Amino acid sequence: MELGNISQPVYGPGPEAPGSSTPGLVVMVHGFLRLVQPNALPIALCCLLFFLSQLLLYELGFLVCMAIGLLFIILVPLVGCCFCCCRC
């Protein structure tokens, strides 16, 4: 059984998008994911502080989206309540 060169593996191209009946939606989702997370996952584990800073940079897009979502979850009901209670 031949295992090949384990220390320097050769990777093929990434996974392809499956065929879909909604190609526009697939393109839109992949575009959003590339916009939110353009950086590659940091693999270097040599220094914990450096790794954490790289991991935060990697997750920055998701953190910004989560902050905007939480802001909307809090502000939309609050503004709606103000409009309903203060109809001046």
PDB file of N, CA and C in Angstrom:
ATOM      1  N   MET A   1       0.839  -1.168   0.000  1.00  0.00           N
ATOM      2  CA  MET A   1       0.000   0.000   0.000  1.00  0.00           C
ATOM      3  C   MET A   1       0.892   1.241   0.000  1.00  0.00           C
ATOM      4  N   GLU A   2       0.764   2.063  -1.007  1.00  0.00           N
ATOM      5  CA  GLU A   2       1.583   3.261  -1.157  1.00  0.00           C
ATOM      6  C   GLU A   2       0.850   4.465  -0.574  1.00  0.00           C
ATOM      7  N   LEU A   3       1.479   5.148   0.411  1.00  0.00           N
ATOM      8  CA  LEU A   3       0.859   6.308   1.035  1.00  0.00           C
ATOM      9  C   LEU A   3       1.264   7.617   0.381  1.00  0.00           C
ATOM     10  N   GLY A   4       2.295   7.625  -0.405  1.00  0.00           N
ATOM     11  CA  GLY A   4       2.743   8.862  -1.029  1.00  0.00           C
ATOM     12  C   GLY A   4       3.550   9.698  -0.050  1.00  0.00           C
ATOM     13  N   ASN A   5       3.753  10.927  -0.391  1.00  0.00           N
ATOM     14  CA  ASN A   5       4.534  11.836   0.447  1.00  0.00           C
ATOM     15  C   ASN A   5       3.604  12.456   1.483  1.00  0.00           C
ATOM     16  N   ILE A   6       3.695  11.993   2.727  1.00  0.00           N
ATOM     17  CA  ILE A   6       2.800  12.454   3.788  1.00  0.00           C
ATOM     18  C   ILE A   6       3.214  13.845   4.281  1.00  0.00           C
ATOM     19  N   SER A   7       4.496  14.154   4.282  1.00  0.00           N
ATOM     20  CA  SER A   7       4.930  15.442   4.806  1.00  0.00           C
ATOM     21  C   SER A   7       4.536  16.602   3.884  1.00  0.00           C
ATOM     22  N   GLN A   8       4.444  16.393   2.595  1.00  0.00           N
ATOM     23  CA  GLN A   8       4.052  17.429   1.635  1.00  0.00           C
ATOM     24  C   GLN A   8       2.883  16.911   0.797  1.00  0.00           C
ATOM     25  N   PRO A   9       1.672  16.935   1.361  1.00  0.00           N
ATOM     26  CA  PRO A   9       0.533  16.428   0.597  1.00  0.00           C
ATOM     27  C   PRO A   9       0.201  17.343  -0.579  1.00  0.00           C
ATOM     28  N   VAL A  10      -0.372  16.755  -1.600  1.00  0.00           N
ATOM     29  CA  VAL A  10      -0.785  17.508  -2.777  1.00  0.00           C
ATOM     30  C   VAL A  10      -2.303  17.571  -2.759  1.00  0.00           C
ATOM     31  N   TYR A  11      -2.828  18.794  -2.708  1.00  0.00           N
ATOM     32  CA  TYR A  11      -4.267  18.975  -2.647  1.00  0.00           C
ATOM     33  C   TYR A  11      -4.796  19.354  -4.017  1.00  0.00           C
ATOM     34  N   GLY A  12      -5.962  18.853  -4.311  1.00  0.00           N
ATOM     35  CA  GLY A  12      -6.625  19.199  -5.557  1.00  0.00           C
ATOM     36  C   GLY A  12      -7.413  20.479  -5.405  1.00  0.00           C
ATOM     37  N   PRO A  13      -8.179  20.830  -6.404  1.00  0.00           N
ATOM     38  CA  PRO A  13      -9.003  22.045  -6.294  1.00  0.00           C
ATOM     39  C   PRO A  13     -10.058  21.880  -5.216  1.00  0.00           C
ATOM     40  N   GLY A  14     -10.565  23.006  -4.734  1.00  0.00           N
ATOM     41  CA  GLY A  14     -11.562  22.991  -3.668  1.00  0.00           C
ATOM     42  C   GLY A  14     -12.863  22.370  -4.134  1.00  0.00           C
ATOM     43  N   PRO A  15     -13.777  22.178  -3.220  1.00  0.00           N
ATOM     44  CA  PRO A  15     -15.052  21.572  -3.577  1.00  0.00           C
ATOM     45  C   PRO A  15     -15.836  22.475  -4.519  1.00  0.00           C
ATOM     46  N   GLU A  16     -16.520  21.864  -5.446  1.00  0.00           N
ATOM     47  CA  GLU A  16     -17.316  22.617  -6.407  1.00  0.00           C
ATOM     48  C   GLU A  16     -18.734  22.751  -5.878  1.00  0.00           C
ATOM     49  N   ALA A  17     -19.379  23.825  -6.268  1.00  0.00           N
ATOM     50  CA  ALA A  17     -20.759  24.031  -5.860  1.00  0.00           C
ATOM     51  C   ALA A  17     -21.632  22.976  -6.527  1.00  0.00           C
ATOM     52  N   PRO A  18     -22.536  22.359  -5.777  1.00  0.00           N
ATOM     53  CA  PRO A  18     -23.391  21.339  -6.376  1.00  0.00           C
ATOM     54  C   PRO A  18     -24.357  21.979  -7.367  1.00  0.00           C
ATOM     55  N   GLY A  19     -24.789  21.188  -8.336  1.00  0.00           N
ATOM     56  CA  GLY A  19     -25.779  21.668  -9.277  1.00  0.00           C
ATOM     57  C   GLY A  19     -27.066  21.994  -8.541  1.00  0.00           C
ATOM     58  N   SER A  20     -27.682  23.117  -8.886  1.00  0.00           N
ATOM     59  CA  SER A  20     -28.846  23.561  -8.147  1.00  0.00           C
ATOM     60  C   SER A  20     -29.875  24.121  -9.111  1.00  0.00           C
ATOM     61  N   SER A  21     -31.127  24.135  -8.673  1.00  0.00           N
ATOM     62  CA  SER A  21     -32.176  24.733  -9.480  1.00  0.00           C
ATOM     63  C   SER A  21     -32.242  26.240  -9.253  1.00  0.00           C
ATOM     64  N   THR A  22     -31.479  26.735  -8.275  1.00  0.00           N
ATOM     65  CA  THR A  22     -31.434  28.173  -7.990  1.00  0.00           C
ATOM     66  C   THR A  22     -29.985  28.649  -8.035  1.00  0.00           C
ATOM     67  N   PRO A  23     -29.378  28.741  -9.214  1.00  0.00           N
ATOM     68  CA  PRO A  23     -27.959  29.132  -9.276  1.00  0.00           C
ATOM     69  C   PRO A  23     -27.737  30.572  -8.829  1.00  0.00           C
ATOM     70  N   GLY A  24     -28.724  31.444  -8.996  1.00  0.00           N
ATOM     71  CA  GLY A  24     -28.570  32.824  -8.548  1.00  0.00           C
ATOM     72  C   GLY A  24     -28.410  32.908  -7.048  1.00  0.00           C
ATOM     73  N   LEU A  25     -29.186  32.097  -6.324  1.00  0.00           N
ATOM     74  CA  LEU A  25     -29.095  32.082  -4.866  1.00  0.00           C
ATOM     75  C   LEU A  25     -27.748  31.529  -4.411  1.00  0.00           C
ATOM     76  N   VAL A  26     -27.264  30.505  -5.088  1.00  0.00           N
ATOM     77  CA  VAL A  26     -25.962  29.917  -4.735  1.00  0.00           C
ATOM     78  C   VAL A  26     -24.856  30.942  -4.950  1.00  0.00           C
ATOM     79  N   VAL A  27     -24.905  31.662  -6.061  1.00  0.00           N
ATOM     80  CA  VAL A  27     -23.890  32.683  -6.330  1.00  0.00           C
ATOM     81  C   VAL A  27     -23.963  33.796  -5.286  1.00  0.00           C
ATOM     82  N   MET A  28     -25.185  34.184  -4.899  1.00  0.00           N
ATOM     83  CA  MET A  28     -25.347  35.248  -3.914  1.00  0.00           C
ATOM     84  C   MET A  28     -24.784  34.820  -2.551  1.00  0.00           C
ATOM     85  N   VAL A  29     -25.045  33.594  -2.133  1.00  0.00           N
ATOM     86  CA  VAL A  29     -24.548  33.109  -0.837  1.00  0.00           C
ATOM     87  C   VAL A  29     -23.028  33.015  -0.842  1.00  0.00           C
ATOM     88  N   HIS A  30     -22.449  32.488  -1.925  1.00  0.00           N
ATOM     89  CA  HIS A  30     -20.989  32.388  -1.988  1.00  0.00           C
ATOM     90  C   HIS A  30     -20.349  33.775  -2.042  1.00  0.00           C
ATOM     91  N   GLY A  31     -20.979  34.707  -2.724  1.00  0.00           N
ATOM     92  CA  GLY A  31     -20.465  36.075  -2.743  1.00  0.00           C
ATOM     93  C   GLY A  31     -20.488  36.708  -1.361  1.00  0.00           C
ATOM     94  N   PHE A  32     -21.585  36.469  -0.613  1.00  0.00           N
ATOM     95  CA  PHE A  32     -21.665  36.993   0.752  1.00  0.00           C
ATOM     96  C   PHE A  32     -20.593  36.381   1.638  1.00  0.00           C
ATOM     97  N   LEU A  33     -20.393  35.078   1.523  1.00  0.00           N
ATOM     98  CA  LEU A  33     -19.378  34.424   2.356  1.00  0.00           C
ATOM     99  C   LEU A  33     -17.981  34.909   2.012  1.00  0.00           C
ATOM    100  N   ARG A  34     -17.692  35.144   0.727  1.00  0.00           N
ATOM    101  CA  ARG A  34     -16.389  35.684   0.355  1.00  0.00           C
ATOM    102  C   ARG A  34     -16.224  37.120   0.848  1.00  0.00           C
ATOM    103  N   LEU A  35     -17.314  37.876   0.902  1.00  0.00           N
ATOM    104  CA  LEU A  35     -17.251  39.252   1.399  1.00  0.00           C
ATOM    105  C   LEU A  35     -17.041  39.284   2.902  1.00  0.00           C
ATOM    106  N   VAL A  36     -17.737  38.407   3.627  1.00  0.00           N
ATOM    107  CA  VAL A  36     -17.666  38.403   5.087  1.00  0.00           C
ATOM    108  C   VAL A  36     -16.360  37.795   5.575  1.00  0.00           C
ATOM    109  N   GLN A  37     -15.874  36.781   4.924  1.00  0.00           N
ATOM    110  CA  GLN A  37     -14.687  36.075   5.401  1.00  0.00           C
ATOM    111  C   GLN A  37     -13.678  35.898   4.273  1.00  0.00           C
ATOM    112  N   PRO A  38     -12.967  36.985   3.899  1.00  0.00           N
ATOM    113  CA  PRO A  38     -12.020  36.880   2.788  1.00  0.00           C
ATOM    114  C   PRO A  38     -10.682  36.262   3.177  1.00  0.00           C
ATOM    115  N   ASN A  39     -10.362  36.190   4.454  1.00  0.00           N
ATOM    116  CA  ASN A  39      -9.048  35.715   4.903  1.00  0.00           C
ATOM    117  C   ASN A  39      -9.047  34.208   5.066  1.00  0.00           C
ATOM    118  N   ALA A  40      -7.882  33.617   4.862  1.00  0.00           N
ATOM    119  CA  ALA A  40      -7.730  32.181   5.062  1.00  0.00           C
ATOM    120  C   ALA A  40      -7.607  31.881   6.554  1.00  0.00           C
ATOM    121  N   LEU A  41      -7.982  30.668   6.946  1.00  0.00           N
ATOM    122  CA  LEU A  41      -7.890  30.253   8.340  1.00  0.00           C
ATOM    123  C   LEU A  41      -6.436  30.179   8.764  1.00  0.00           C
ATOM    124  N   PRO A  42      -6.052  30.848   9.879  1.00  0.00           N
ATOM    125  CA  PRO A  42      -4.651  30.792  10.327  1.00  0.00           C
ATOM    126  C   PRO A  42      -4.331  29.410  10.885  1.00  0.00           C
ATOM    127  N   ILE A  43      -3.262  28.833  10.413  1.00  0.00           N
ATOM    128  CA  ILE A  43      -2.880  27.479  10.821  1.00  0.00           C
ATOM    129  C   ILE A  43      -1.741  27.513  11.840  1.00  0.00           C
ATOM    130  N   ALA A  44      -0.903  28.543  11.813  1.00  0.00           N
ATOM    131  CA  ALA A  44       0.273  28.606  12.687  1.00  0.00           C
ATOM    132  C   ALA A  44      -0.147  28.680  14.153  1.00  0.00           C
ATOM    133  N   LEU A  45       0.295  27.724  14.931  1.00  0.00           N
ATOM    134  CA  LEU A  45      -0.012  27.675  16.363  1.00  0.00           C
ATOM    135  C   LEU A  45       1.225  27.951  17.211  1.00  0.00           C
ATOM    136  N   CYS A  46       2.214  28.646  16.650  1.00  0.00           N
ATOM    137  CA  CYS A  46       3.475  28.822  17.362  1.00  0.00           C
ATOM    138  C   CYS A  46       3.328  29.720  18.586  1.00  0.00           C
ATOM    139  N   CYS A  47       2.551  30.763  18.496  1.00  0.00           N
ATOM    140  CA  CYS A  47       2.387  31.699  19.610  1.00  0.00           C
ATOM    141  C   CYS A  47       0.896  31.911  19.819  1.00  0.00           C
ATOM    142  N   LEU A  48       0.427  31.716  21.036  1.00  0.00           N
ATOM    143  CA  LEU A  48      -1.008  31.779  21.327  1.00  0.00           C
ATOM    144  C   LEU A  48      -1.569  33.170  21.082  1.00  0.00           C
ATOM    145  N   LEU A  49      -0.859  34.221  21.485  1.00  0.00           N
ATOM    146  CA  LEU A  49      -1.344  35.585  21.292  1.00  0.00           C
ATOM    147  C   LEU A  49      -1.442  35.922  19.807  1.00  0.00           C
ATOM    148  N   PHE A  50      -0.427  35.537  19.045  1.00  0.00           N
ATOM    149  CA  PHE A  50      -0.453  35.771  17.598  1.00  0.00           C
ATOM    150  C   PHE A  50      -1.596  34.995  16.966  1.00  0.00           C
ATOM    151  N   PHE A  51      -1.803  33.761  17.427  1.00  0.00           N
ATOM    152  CA  PHE A  51      -2.881  32.931  16.883  1.00  0.00           C
ATOM    153  C   PHE A  51      -4.241  33.550  17.187  1.00  0.00           C
ATOM    154  N   LEU A  52      -4.437  34.053  18.411  1.00  0.00           N
ATOM    155  CA  LEU A  52      -5.721  34.662  18.760  1.00  0.00           C
ATOM    156  C   LEU A  52      -5.980  35.924  17.953  1.00  0.00           C
ATOM    157  N   SER A  53      -4.951  36.730  17.715  1.00  0.00           N
ATOM    158  CA  SER A  53      -5.154  37.928  16.905  1.00  0.00           C
ATOM    159  C   SER A  53      -5.487  37.549  15.465  1.00  0.00           C
ATOM    160  N   GLN A  54      -4.842  36.531  14.936  1.00  0.00           N
ATOM    161  CA  GLN A  54      -5.150  36.076  13.580  1.00  0.00           C
ATOM    162  C   GLN A  54      -6.544  35.469  13.504  1.00  0.00           C
ATOM    163  N   LEU A  55      -6.950  34.769  14.563  1.00  0.00           N
ATOM    164  CA  LEU A  55      -8.276  34.163  14.589  1.00  0.00           C
ATOM    165  C   LEU A  55      -9.355  35.244  14.647  1.00  0.00           C
ATOM    166  N   LEU A  56      -9.113  36.310  15.417  1.00  0.00           N
ATOM    167  CA  LEU A  56     -10.065  37.427  15.455  1.00  0.00           C
ATOM    168  C   LEU A  56     -10.145  38.116  14.103  1.00  0.00           C
ATOM    169  N   LEU A  57      -9.007  38.265  13.427  1.00  0.00           N
ATOM    170  CA  LEU A  57      -9.013  38.845  12.088  1.00  0.00           C
ATOM    171  C   LEU A  57      -9.775  37.951  11.123  1.00  0.00           C
ATOM    172  N   TYR A  58      -9.634  36.643  11.291  1.00  0.00           N
ATOM    173  CA  TYR A  58     -10.331  35.680  10.437  1.00  0.00           C
ATOM    174  C   TYR A  58     -11.840  35.765  10.644  1.00  0.00           C
ATOM    175  N   GLU A  59     -12.278  35.941  11.877  1.00  0.00           N
ATOM    176  CA  GLU A  59     -13.697  35.967  12.215  1.00  0.00           C
ATOM    177  C   GLU A  59     -14.281  37.377  12.229  1.00  0.00           C
ATOM    178  N   LEU A  60     -13.528  38.386  11.821  1.00  0.00           N
ATOM    179  CA  LEU A  60     -13.967  39.769  11.905  1.00  0.00           C
ATOM    180  C   LEU A  60     -15.253  40.018  11.132  1.00  0.00           C
ATOM    181  N   GLY A  61     -15.390  39.470   9.962  1.00  0.00           N
ATOM    182  CA  GLY A  61     -16.601  39.671   9.171  1.00  0.00           C
ATOM    183  C   GLY A  61     -17.837  39.128   9.867  1.00  0.00           C
ATOM    184  N   PHE A  62     -17.717  37.937  10.443  1.00  0.00           N
ATOM    185  CA  PHE A  62     -18.855  37.364  11.161  1.00  0.00           C
ATOM    186  C   PHE A  62     -19.175  38.165  12.423  1.00  0.00           C
ATOM    187  N   LEU A  63     -18.154  38.672  13.102  1.00  0.00           N
ATOM    188  CA  LEU A  63     -18.390  39.475  14.297  1.00  0.00           C
ATOM    189  C   LEU A  63     -19.099  40.780  13.953  1.00  0.00           C
ATOM    190  N   VAL A  64     -18.740  41.411  12.846  1.00  0.00           N
ATOM    191  CA  VAL A  64     -19.405  42.641  12.424  1.00  0.00           C
ATOM    192  C   VAL A  64     -20.860  42.351  12.055  1.00  0.00           C
ATOM    193  N   CYS A  65     -21.102  41.269  11.332  1.00  0.00           N
ATOM    194  CA  CYS A  65     -22.482  40.895  10.983  1.00  0.00           C
ATOM    195  C   CYS A  65     -23.304  40.598  12.235  1.00  0.00           C
ATOM    196  N   MET A  66     -22.707  39.949  13.213  1.00  0.00           N
ATOM    197  CA  MET A  66     -23.419  39.647  14.445  1.00  0.00           C
ATOM    198  C   MET A  66     -23.736  40.925  15.220  1.00  0.00           C
ATOM    199  N   ALA A  67     -22.802  41.872  15.243  1.00  0.00           N
ATOM    200  CA  ALA A  67     -23.044  43.132  15.942  1.00  0.00           C
ATOM    201  C   ALA A  67     -24.165  43.919  15.267  1.00  0.00           C
ATOM    202  N   ILE A  68     -24.179  43.959  13.943  1.00  0.00           N
ATOM    203  CA  ILE A  68     -25.255  44.652  13.230  1.00  0.00           C
ATOM    204  C   ILE A  68     -26.587  43.957  13.474  1.00  0.00           C
ATOM    205  N   GLY A  69     -26.594  42.643  13.477  1.00  0.00           N
ATOM    206  CA  GLY A  69     -27.825  41.903  13.755  1.00  0.00           C
ATOM    207  C   GLY A  69     -28.357  42.165  15.143  1.00  0.00           C
ATOM    208  N   LEU A  70     -27.488  42.155  16.136  1.00  0.00           N
ATOM    209  CA  LEU A  70     -27.924  42.446  17.508  1.00  0.00           C
ATOM    210  C   LEU A  70     -28.431  43.875  17.641  1.00  0.00           C
ATOM    211  N   LEU A  71     -27.792  44.810  16.936  1.00  0.00           N
ATOM    212  CA  LEU A  71     -28.253  46.188  16.947  1.00  0.00           C
ATOM    213  C   LEU A  71     -29.666  46.298  16.384  1.00  0.00           C
ATOM    214  N   PHE A  72     -29.936  45.592  15.291  1.00  0.00           N
ATOM    215  CA  PHE A  72     -31.277  45.602  14.726  1.00  0.00           C
ATOM    216  C   PHE A  72     -32.282  44.908  15.638  1.00  0.00           C
ATOM    217  N   ILE A  73     -31.880  43.818  16.280  1.00  0.00           N
ATOM    218  CA  ILE A  73     -32.788  43.106  17.186  1.00  0.00           C
ATOM    219  C   ILE A  73     -33.192  44.001  18.356  1.00  0.00           C
ATOM    220  N   ILE A  74     -32.293  44.846  18.815  1.00  0.00           N
ATOM    221  CA  ILE A  74     -32.601  45.732  19.935  1.00  0.00           C
ATOM    222  C   ILE A  74     -33.312  46.998  19.462  1.00  0.00           C
ATOM    223  N   LEU A  75     -32.847  47.609  18.366  1.00  0.00           N
ATOM    224  CA  LEU A  75     -33.381  48.903  17.960  1.00  0.00           C
ATOM    225  C   LEU A  75     -34.743  48.838  17.276  1.00  0.00           C
ATOM    226  N   VAL A  76     -35.016  47.829  16.474  1.00  0.00           N
ATOM    227  CA  VAL A  76     -36.283  47.785  15.740  1.00  0.00           C
ATOM    228  C   VAL A  76     -37.482  47.714  16.690  1.00  0.00           C
ATOM    229  N   PRO A  77     -37.513  46.812  17.679  1.00  0.00           N
ATOM    230  CA  PRO A  77     -38.657  46.839  18.605  1.00  0.00           C
ATOM    231  C   PRO A  77     -38.727  48.120  19.430  1.00  0.00           C
ATOM    232  N   LEU A  78     -37.592  48.677  19.795  1.00  0.00           N
ATOM    233  CA  LEU A  78     -37.569  49.907  20.573  1.00  0.00           C
ATOM    234  C   LEU A  78     -38.150  51.079  19.766  1.00  0.00           C
ATOM    235  N   VAL A  79     -37.758  51.213  18.521  1.00  0.00           N
ATOM    236  CA  VAL A  79     -38.283  52.271  17.662  1.00  0.00           C
ATOM    237  C   VAL A  79     -39.766  52.037  17.388  1.00  0.00           C
ATOM    238  N   GLY A  80     -40.168  50.783  17.169  1.00  0.00           N
ATOM    239  CA  GLY A  80     -41.580  50.477  16.970  1.00  0.00           C
ATOM    240  C   GLY A  80     -42.401  50.808  18.175  1.00  0.00           C
ATOM    241  N   CYS A  81     -41.906  50.528  19.347  1.00  0.00           N
ATOM    242  CA  CYS A  81     -42.619  50.871  20.579  1.00  0.00           C
ATOM    243  C   CYS A  81     -42.745  52.380  20.737  1.00  0.00           C
ATOM    244  N   CYS A  82     -41.702  53.113  20.401  1.00  0.00           N
ATOM    245  CA  CYS A  82     -41.750  54.578  20.474  1.00  0.00           C
ATOM    246  C   CYS A  82     -42.790  55.128  19.498  1.00  0.00           C
ATOM    247  N   PHE A  83     -42.857  54.584  18.298  1.00  0.00           N
ATOM    248  CA  PHE A  83     -43.838  55.037  17.324  1.00  0.00           C
ATOM    249  C   PHE A  83     -45.262  54.698  17.778  1.00  0.00           C
ATOM    250  N   CYS A  84     -45.436  53.544  18.410  1.00  0.00           N
ATOM    251  CA  CYS A  84     -46.785  53.151  18.849  1.00  0.00           C
ATOM    252  C   CYS A  84     -47.227  53.962  20.071  1.00  0.00           C
ATOM    253  N   CYS A  85     -46.329  54.180  21.016  1.00  0.00           N
ATOM    254  CA  CYS A  85     -46.697  54.875  22.255  1.00  0.00           C
ATOM    255  C   CYS A  85     -46.713  56.389  22.094  1.00  0.00           C
ATOM    256  N   CYS A  86     -45.863  56.944  21.299  1.00  0.00           N
ATOM    257  CA  CYS A  86     -45.752  58.398  21.141  1.00  0.00           C
ATOM    258  C   CYS A  86     -46.190  58.782  19.733  1.00  0.00           C
ATOM    259  N   ARG A  87     -47.464  58.785  19.481  1.00  0.00           N
ATOM    260  CA  ARG A  87     -47.978  59.036  18.142  1.00  0.00           C
ATOM    261  C   ARG A  87     -48.137  60.530  17.881  1.00  0.00           C
ATOM    262  N   CYS A  88     -47.294  61.361  18.442  1.00  0.00           N
ATOM    263  CA  CYS A  88     -47.385  62.808  18.254  1.00  0.00           C
ATOM    264  C   CYS A  88     -46.837  63.181  16.890  1.00  0.00           C
TER     265      CYS A  88
END
